[in-house]
Amino acid sequence: MRVGVGSGNPVKRRAVERVLESSGTDLVDDSPGDTTTVAVESVPVPSGVSEQPTGHAETVAGAENRAAAVLDAGAYDLGVGIEGGVARFDGADGLFLVMWAAVADGSEVGRGAGPSLELPADVAARIDEGAELGPVMDDVLDTTGVARRGGAAGALTGGRVDRADALATAVAGALGPFVSDLY
């Protein structure tokens, strides 16, 4: 089975690999073609949304666009799109880091969300002014490439949840229609 991840970011690929490794053989056994291996490949594709998705609708659209673009890019059994964004929630103050995943096989799409983490007020203010979260976190942490390592999720939880773990939760949820008879 070939699974394409709609990004060149190694953290997003690692998130998908973690989910598929932990899911046993159910997904592989039910897939057409080679049922002995799962190959996960990075497929850099555009999200079709802004560099800093704002709101759940735009973040979900980015994930869905990436999953569809993977399937258009090659002979993949599943296309996985993962998108991080920022959003507000009714009933809660502040701006939150959100993450969404979409898994598509050409006829069905599954969607799942990862954890939502409230952003510190100073970070949220910079995002509200038009900055992107990744560069803001790089600046706050005095580093580069946070999005390709532990991510904002890792920094905001003191390393208790890294970006790959957080994204893996979204991917696991999006795989639901492909691994559960409840759908």
Protein backbone atom coordinates (compact mmCIF):
# COMPACT_ATOMS: atom_id res chain seq x y z
CA MET A 1 0.00 0.00 0.00
CA ARG A 2 1.28 3.46 -0.91
CA VAL A 3 0.37 6.35 1.35
CA GLY A 4 1.26 9.87 0.28
CA VAL A 5 1.56 12.66 2.83
CA GLY A 6 0.83 16.04 1.29
CA SER A 7 3.90 17.84 2.61
CA GLY A 8 7.66 17.84 2.50
CA ASN A 9 7.80 18.42 6.27
CA PRO A 10 9.38 15.36 7.94
CA VAL A 11 7.29 15.89 11.09
CA LYS A 12 4.05 15.40 9.15
CA ARG A 13 5.41 12.24 7.53
CA ARG A 14 6.55 10.96 10.93
CA ALA A 15 3.05 11.57 12.34
CA VAL A 16 1.51 9.39 9.63
CA GLU A 17 4.14 6.69 10.11
CA ARG A 18 3.44 6.59 13.85
CA VAL A 19 -0.27 6.08 13.29
CA LEU A 20 0.18 3.39 10.67
CA GLU A 21 2.81 1.57 12.74
CA SER A 22 0.55 1.56 15.80
CA SER A 23 -2.57 0.47 13.91
CA GLY A 24 -1.44 -3.10 13.35
CA THR A 25 -2.40 -4.72 10.07
CA ASP A 26 -6.11 -3.83 9.78
CA LEU A 27 -5.52 -1.09 7.25
CA VAL A 28 -3.05 -3.13 5.24
CA ASP A 29 -5.21 -6.27 5.25
CA ASP A 30 -8.20 -4.34 3.88
CA SER A 31 -6.27 -2.52 1.16
CA PRO A 32 -5.99 -3.51 -2.49
CA GLY A 33 -2.63 -4.42 -3.95
CA ASP A 34 0.40 -5.31 -1.87
CA THR A 35 -0.88 -6.30 1.57
CA THR A 36 2.50 -6.91 3.15
CA THR A 37 3.97 -3.42 3.35
CA VAL A 38 2.92 0.17 3.79
CA ALA A 39 5.13 2.74 2.10
CA VAL A 40 4.70 6.29 3.39
CA GLU A 41 6.03 8.96 1.06
CA SER A 42 6.28 12.74 1.32
CA VAL A 43 4.52 14.47 -1.56
CA PRO A 44 4.96 18.25 -1.37
CA VAL A 45 1.70 19.75 -2.65
CA PRO A 46 0.05 23.14 -2.14
CA SER A 47 -2.59 23.54 0.52
CA GLY A 48 -4.64 26.01 -1.48
CA VAL A 49 -5.12 28.13 1.65
CA SER A 50 -3.17 30.99 3.21
CA GLU A 51 0.25 30.40 4.75
CA GLN A 52 -1.34 30.93 8.16
CA PRO A 53 -4.78 29.32 8.03
CA THR A 54 -7.21 31.09 10.33
CA GLY A 55 -10.31 29.35 11.59
CA HIS A 56 -11.37 25.75 11.47
CA ALA A 57 -12.95 25.98 8.00
CA GLU A 58 -9.76 27.21 6.33
CA THR A 59 -7.59 24.73 8.24
CA VAL A 60 -9.85 21.79 7.32
CA ALA A 61 -9.91 22.97 3.68
CA GLY A 62 -6.10 22.99 3.64
CA ALA A 63 -5.96 19.40 4.91
CA GLU A 64 -8.59 18.23 2.41
CA ASN A 65 -6.87 20.04 -0.47
CA ARG A 66 -3.55 18.41 0.37
CA ALA A 67 -5.10 14.91 0.57
CA ALA A 68 -6.80 15.37 -2.81
CA ALA A 69 -3.64 16.79 -4.38
CA VAL A 70 -1.64 13.74 -3.25
CA LEU A 71 -4.08 11.43 -5.04
CA ASP A 72 -3.79 13.62 -8.17
CA ALA A 73 0.02 13.52 -7.95
CA GLY A 74 0.52 9.77 -8.21
CA ALA A 75 -0.68 6.22 -7.71
CA TYR A 76 -1.38 6.38 -3.99
CA ASP A 77 -3.90 4.21 -2.16
CA LEU A 78 -4.38 6.94 0.43
CA GLY A 79 -3.66 10.64 0.39
CA VAL A 80 -3.11 12.32 3.74
CA GLY A 81 -3.36 16.04 4.24
CA ILE A 82 -2.35 17.69 7.49
CA GLU A 83 -2.83 21.38 8.20
CA GLY A 84 -2.05 23.48 11.24
CA GLY A 85 -3.86 26.72 11.83
CA VAL A 86 -5.12 29.10 14.46
CA ALA A 87 -8.73 29.47 15.55
CA ARG A 88 -11.00 30.77 18.24
CA PHE A 89 -13.63 28.75 20.09
CA ASP A 90 -17.02 29.96 21.24
CA GLY A 91 -17.01 30.15 25.00
CA ALA A 92 -13.22 30.36 25.37
CA ASP A 93 -11.07 33.44 25.31
CA GLY A 94 -7.87 33.51 23.31
CA LEU A 95 -6.45 32.19 20.09
CA PHE A 96 -5.64 28.50 19.78
CA LEU A 97 -3.25 26.41 17.74
CA VAL A 98 -5.42 23.84 15.92
CA MET A 99 -4.52 20.94 13.68
CA TRP A 100 -6.63 19.01 11.22
CA ALA A 101 -6.01 15.97 9.04
CA ALA A 102 -7.86 14.51 6.08
CA VAL A 103 -7.38 11.02 4.64
CA ALA A 104 -8.76 10.28 1.18
CA ASP A 105 -8.86 7.26 -1.10
CA GLY A 106 -10.56 8.88 -4.08
CA SER A 107 -14.09 8.05 -3.04
CA GLU A 108 -14.17 8.71 0.70
CA VAL A 109 -12.65 11.35 2.98
CA GLY A 110 -12.08 11.03 6.71
CA ARG A 111 -11.36 14.04 8.92
CA GLY A 112 -9.83 14.32 12.36
CA ALA A 113 -8.57 17.03 14.68
CA GLY A 114 -5.59 17.07 16.97
CA PRO A 115 -5.32 18.83 20.29
CA SER A 116 -6.02 22.55 20.51
CA LEU A 117 -3.56 24.60 22.54
CA GLU A 118 -4.13 28.15 23.71
CA LEU A 119 -1.45 30.50 22.44
CA PRO A 120 0.24 32.90 24.85
CA ALA A 121 -1.23 36.41 24.59
CA ASP A 122 1.93 37.92 23.07
CA VAL A 123 2.12 35.20 20.40
CA ALA A 124 -1.61 35.53 19.65
CA ALA A 125 -1.25 39.30 19.26
CA ARG A 126 1.48 38.85 16.65
CA ILE A 127 -0.67 36.31 14.77
CA ASP A 128 -3.62 38.71 14.89
CA GLU A 129 -1.33 41.34 13.34
CA GLY A 130 -0.69 39.01 10.38
CA ALA A 131 2.41 37.02 11.36
CA GLU A 132 2.71 33.25 10.88
CA LEU A 133 2.95 31.01 13.92
CA GLY A 134 6.11 29.13 12.87
CA PRO A 135 8.30 32.22 12.45
CA VAL A 136 6.81 33.80 15.58
CA MET A 137 7.69 30.69 17.61
CA ASP A 138 11.18 30.66 16.07
CA ASP A 139 11.58 34.28 17.23
CA VAL A 140 10.16 33.68 20.71
CA LEU A 141 12.37 30.60 21.19
CA ASP A 142 15.40 32.22 19.50
CA THR A 143 15.80 29.32 17.09
CA THR A 144 14.95 28.29 13.54
CA GLY A 145 12.83 25.48 12.15
CA VAL A 146 10.57 24.83 15.14
CA ALA A 147 7.86 23.58 12.73
CA ARG A 148 10.21 20.83 11.51
CA ARG A 149 10.95 19.64 15.05
CA GLY A 150 8.83 19.71 18.22
CA GLY A 151 6.66 22.52 16.89
CA ALA A 152 4.62 25.03 18.81
CA ALA A 153 2.86 22.09 20.48
CA GLY A 154 6.14 20.92 21.98
CA ALA A 155 7.10 24.39 23.16
CA LEU A 156 3.65 25.14 24.61
CA THR A 157 3.50 21.87 26.56
CA GLY A 158 7.08 21.90 27.82
CA GLY A 159 7.87 18.93 25.58
CA ARG A 160 5.05 16.78 26.93
CA VAL A 161 3.40 16.63 23.49
CA ASP A 162 5.53 17.18 20.42
CA ARG A 163 4.22 18.21 17.02
CA ALA A 164 4.39 14.69 15.56
CA ASP A 165 2.33 13.29 18.45
CA ALA A 166 -0.25 16.07 18.16
CA LEU A 167 -0.56 15.63 14.40
CA ALA A 168 -0.72 11.84 14.78
CA THR A 169 -3.88 12.28 16.86
CA ALA A 170 -5.51 14.17 13.98
CA VAL A 171 -4.39 11.53 11.46
CA ALA A 172 -5.69 8.70 13.64
CA GLY A 173 -9.08 10.39 13.77
CA ALA A 174 -9.11 10.93 10.00
CA LEU A 175 -8.35 7.24 9.44
CA GLY A 176 -11.57 6.29 11.25
CA PRO A 177 -13.69 5.60 8.14
CA PHE A 178 -10.92 3.37 6.79
CA VAL A 179 -10.34 1.28 9.91
CA SER A 180 -13.67 1.16 11.76
CA ASP A 181 -16.95 -0.49 10.80
CA LEU A 182 -18.82 2.27 12.64
CA TYR A 183 -18.73 4.59 9.62
